[in-house]
């Protein structure tokens, strides 16, 4: 019973702290295993940052609402909306860059295939298989 009375007042802070810490640890772990690039690790760190701030200063949103003469719910809605818009913008930027790289790569492979078909030197079996595999993987995308 005493543990319940001790934890309940700080439950919201503990949940926010757990979410922020898990995002931080997950990002650092993936970075160390070379499964996540530094750029994406920074994104995860910035995603976890608001959870840490709210865990350390839970009345911060209320204080901001008082300073701006806005209701608590309105401030929360604006913050969450801005947060999601920034995350979506960052992810769309990454997707656009990767799409540009894939398009360039497909064009380069197409040019190489065309040059190879026009040349008089026949391909050996491994070169032919590699070209067919590259062409099939590009067509699938």
Protein backbone atom coordinates (compact mmCIF):
# COMPACT_ATOMS: atom_id res chain seq x y z
CA UNK A 1 0.00 0.00 0.00
CA UNK A 2 2.82 2.40 0.81
CA UNK A 3 4.40 1.73 -2.61
CA UNK A 4 1.11 2.61 -4.31
CA UNK A 5 0.93 5.93 -2.43
CA UNK A 6 4.53 6.65 -3.35
CA UNK A 7 4.24 5.91 -7.08
CA UNK A 8 0.79 7.29 -8.02
CA UNK A 9 1.64 11.02 -7.71
CA UNK A 10 4.62 10.55 -9.99
CA UNK A 11 3.03 8.05 -12.40
CA UNK A 12 2.69 10.52 -15.28
CA UNK A 13 6.31 11.59 -14.89
CA UNK A 14 7.50 7.98 -14.73
CA UNK A 15 5.59 7.07 -17.91
CA UNK A 16 6.96 10.07 -19.80
CA UNK A 17 10.47 9.36 -18.55
CA UNK A 18 10.18 5.69 -19.57
CA UNK A 19 9.04 6.60 -23.09
CA UNK A 20 11.81 9.16 -23.55
CA UNK A 21 14.48 6.85 -22.15
CA UNK A 22 13.34 3.91 -24.27
CA UNK A 23 13.48 6.02 -27.45
CA UNK A 24 16.95 7.24 -26.50
CA UNK A 25 18.26 3.78 -25.66
CA UNK A 26 16.70 2.25 -28.78
CA UNK A 27 18.29 4.87 -31.02
CA UNK A 28 21.74 4.56 -29.43
CA UNK A 29 21.58 0.76 -29.53
CA UNK A 30 20.66 0.74 -33.22
CA UNK A 31 23.42 3.25 -33.95
CA UNK A 32 26.00 1.07 -32.20
CA UNK A 33 24.85 -1.98 -34.18
CA UNK A 34 25.18 0.01 -37.43
CA UNK A 35 21.48 -0.51 -38.16
CA UNK A 36 20.65 3.18 -37.97
CA UNK A 37 22.46 6.16 -39.44
CA UNK A 38 23.47 9.13 -37.32
CA UNK A 39 20.87 11.34 -38.99
CA UNK A 40 18.03 9.04 -38.00
CA UNK A 41 19.42 8.66 -34.51
CA UNK A 42 19.19 12.43 -34.11
CA UNK A 43 15.55 12.26 -35.22
CA UNK A 44 14.84 9.73 -32.47
CA UNK A 45 16.66 11.88 -29.95
CA UNK A 46 14.52 14.88 -30.88
CA UNK A 47 11.40 12.72 -30.69
CA UNK A 48 12.31 11.65 -27.15
CA UNK A 49 13.25 15.16 -26.01
CA UNK A 50 9.68 16.42 -25.37
CA UNK A 51 9.00 13.39 -23.18
CA UNK A 52 12.05 14.19 -21.05
CA UNK A 53 11.08 17.86 -20.80
CA UNK A 54 7.52 17.00 -19.72
CA UNK A 55 8.81 14.42 -17.26
CA UNK A 56 11.12 16.94 -15.64
CA UNK A 57 8.73 19.90 -15.83
CA UNK A 58 5.15 18.56 -15.91
CA UNK A 59 3.58 21.96 -15.31
CA UNK A 60 5.43 23.48 -18.27
CA UNK A 61 2.44 23.27 -20.60
CA UNK A 62 0.22 24.91 -17.99
CA UNK A 63 2.77 27.68 -17.51
CA UNK A 64 2.97 28.23 -21.28
CA UNK A 65 -0.83 28.34 -21.47
CA UNK A 66 -0.95 31.00 -18.77
CA UNK A 67 1.72 33.08 -20.49
CA UNK A 68 -0.11 32.93 -23.84
CA UNK A 69 -3.60 33.20 -22.27
CA UNK A 70 -4.67 29.95 -23.91
CA UNK A 71 -6.31 26.84 -22.55
CA UNK A 72 -4.20 23.83 -21.62
CA UNK A 73 -5.87 21.58 -24.21
CA UNK A 74 -5.26 24.10 -27.01
CA UNK A 75 -1.55 24.32 -26.19
CA UNK A 76 -1.26 20.52 -26.10
CA UNK A 77 -3.06 20.22 -29.46
CA UNK A 78 -0.81 22.84 -31.06
CA UNK A 79 2.36 21.25 -29.69
CA UNK A 80 1.40 17.75 -30.80
CA UNK A 81 0.34 19.01 -34.25
CA UNK A 82 3.58 20.94 -34.73
CA UNK A 83 5.59 17.95 -33.53
CA UNK A 84 3.93 15.57 -35.98
CA UNK A 85 4.24 18.04 -38.84
CA UNK A 86 7.98 18.37 -38.22
CA UNK A 87 8.42 14.60 -38.07
CA UNK A 88 6.42 14.13 -41.28
CA UNK A 89 8.44 16.85 -43.01
CA UNK A 90 11.72 15.22 -41.98
CA UNK A 91 10.60 11.76 -43.10
CA UNK A 92 9.33 13.08 -46.44
CA UNK A 93 12.68 14.78 -46.97
CA UNK A 94 14.46 11.48 -46.42
CA UNK A 95 12.08 9.65 -48.78
CA UNK A 96 12.55 12.31 -51.47
CA UNK A 97 16.33 12.06 -51.28
CA UNK A 98 16.22 8.27 -51.50
CA UNK A 99 13.80 8.44 -54.44
CA UNK A 100 16.17 10.78 -56.27
CA UNK A 101 19.08 8.41 -55.65
CA UNK A 102 17.08 5.40 -56.86
CA UNK A 103 16.02 7.24 -60.03
CA UNK A 104 19.62 8.21 -60.78
CA UNK A 105 20.80 4.67 -60.16
CA UNK A 106 18.10 3.22 -62.43
CA UNK A 107 19.06 5.64 -65.20
CA UNK A 108 22.74 4.73 -64.84
CA UNK A 109 21.96 1.02 -65.01
CA UNK A 110 19.76 1.62 -68.07
CA UNK A 111 22.56 3.48 -69.82
CA UNK A 112 25.05 0.73 -68.95
CA UNK A 113 22.69 -1.97 -70.23
CA UNK A 114 22.16 -0.07 -73.47
CA UNK A 115 25.90 0.49 -73.95
CA UNK A 116 26.56 -3.15 -73.22
CA UNK A 117 23.94 -4.29 -75.74
CA UNK A 118 25.44 -2.03 -78.40
CA UNK A 119 28.99 -3.24 -77.81
CA UNK A 120 30.35 -6.13 -79.79
CA UNK A 121 32.05 -7.83 -76.85
CA UNK A 122 29.83 -10.64 -75.55
CA UNK A 123 29.13 -10.84 -71.83
CA UNK A 124 30.24 -13.80 -69.78
CA UNK A 125 27.62 -15.69 -67.76
CA UNK A 126 28.22 -13.90 -64.45
CA UNK A 127 28.02 -10.44 -66.06
CA UNK A 128 24.81 -11.37 -67.88
CA UNK A 129 23.25 -12.71 -64.65
CA UNK A 130 24.24 -9.57 -62.72
CA UNK A 131 22.73 -7.31 -65.40
CA UNK A 132 19.49 -9.28 -65.47
CA UNK A 133 19.24 -9.24 -61.69
CA UNK A 134 19.84 -5.48 -61.56
CA UNK A 135 17.23 -4.88 -64.27
CA UNK A 136 14.65 -7.04 -62.49
CA UNK A 137 15.19 -5.34 -59.13
CA UNK A 138 14.79 -1.91 -60.73
CA UNK A 139 11.61 -2.95 -62.56
CA UNK A 140 10.08 -4.17 -59.28
CA UNK A 141 10.39 -0.69 -57.77
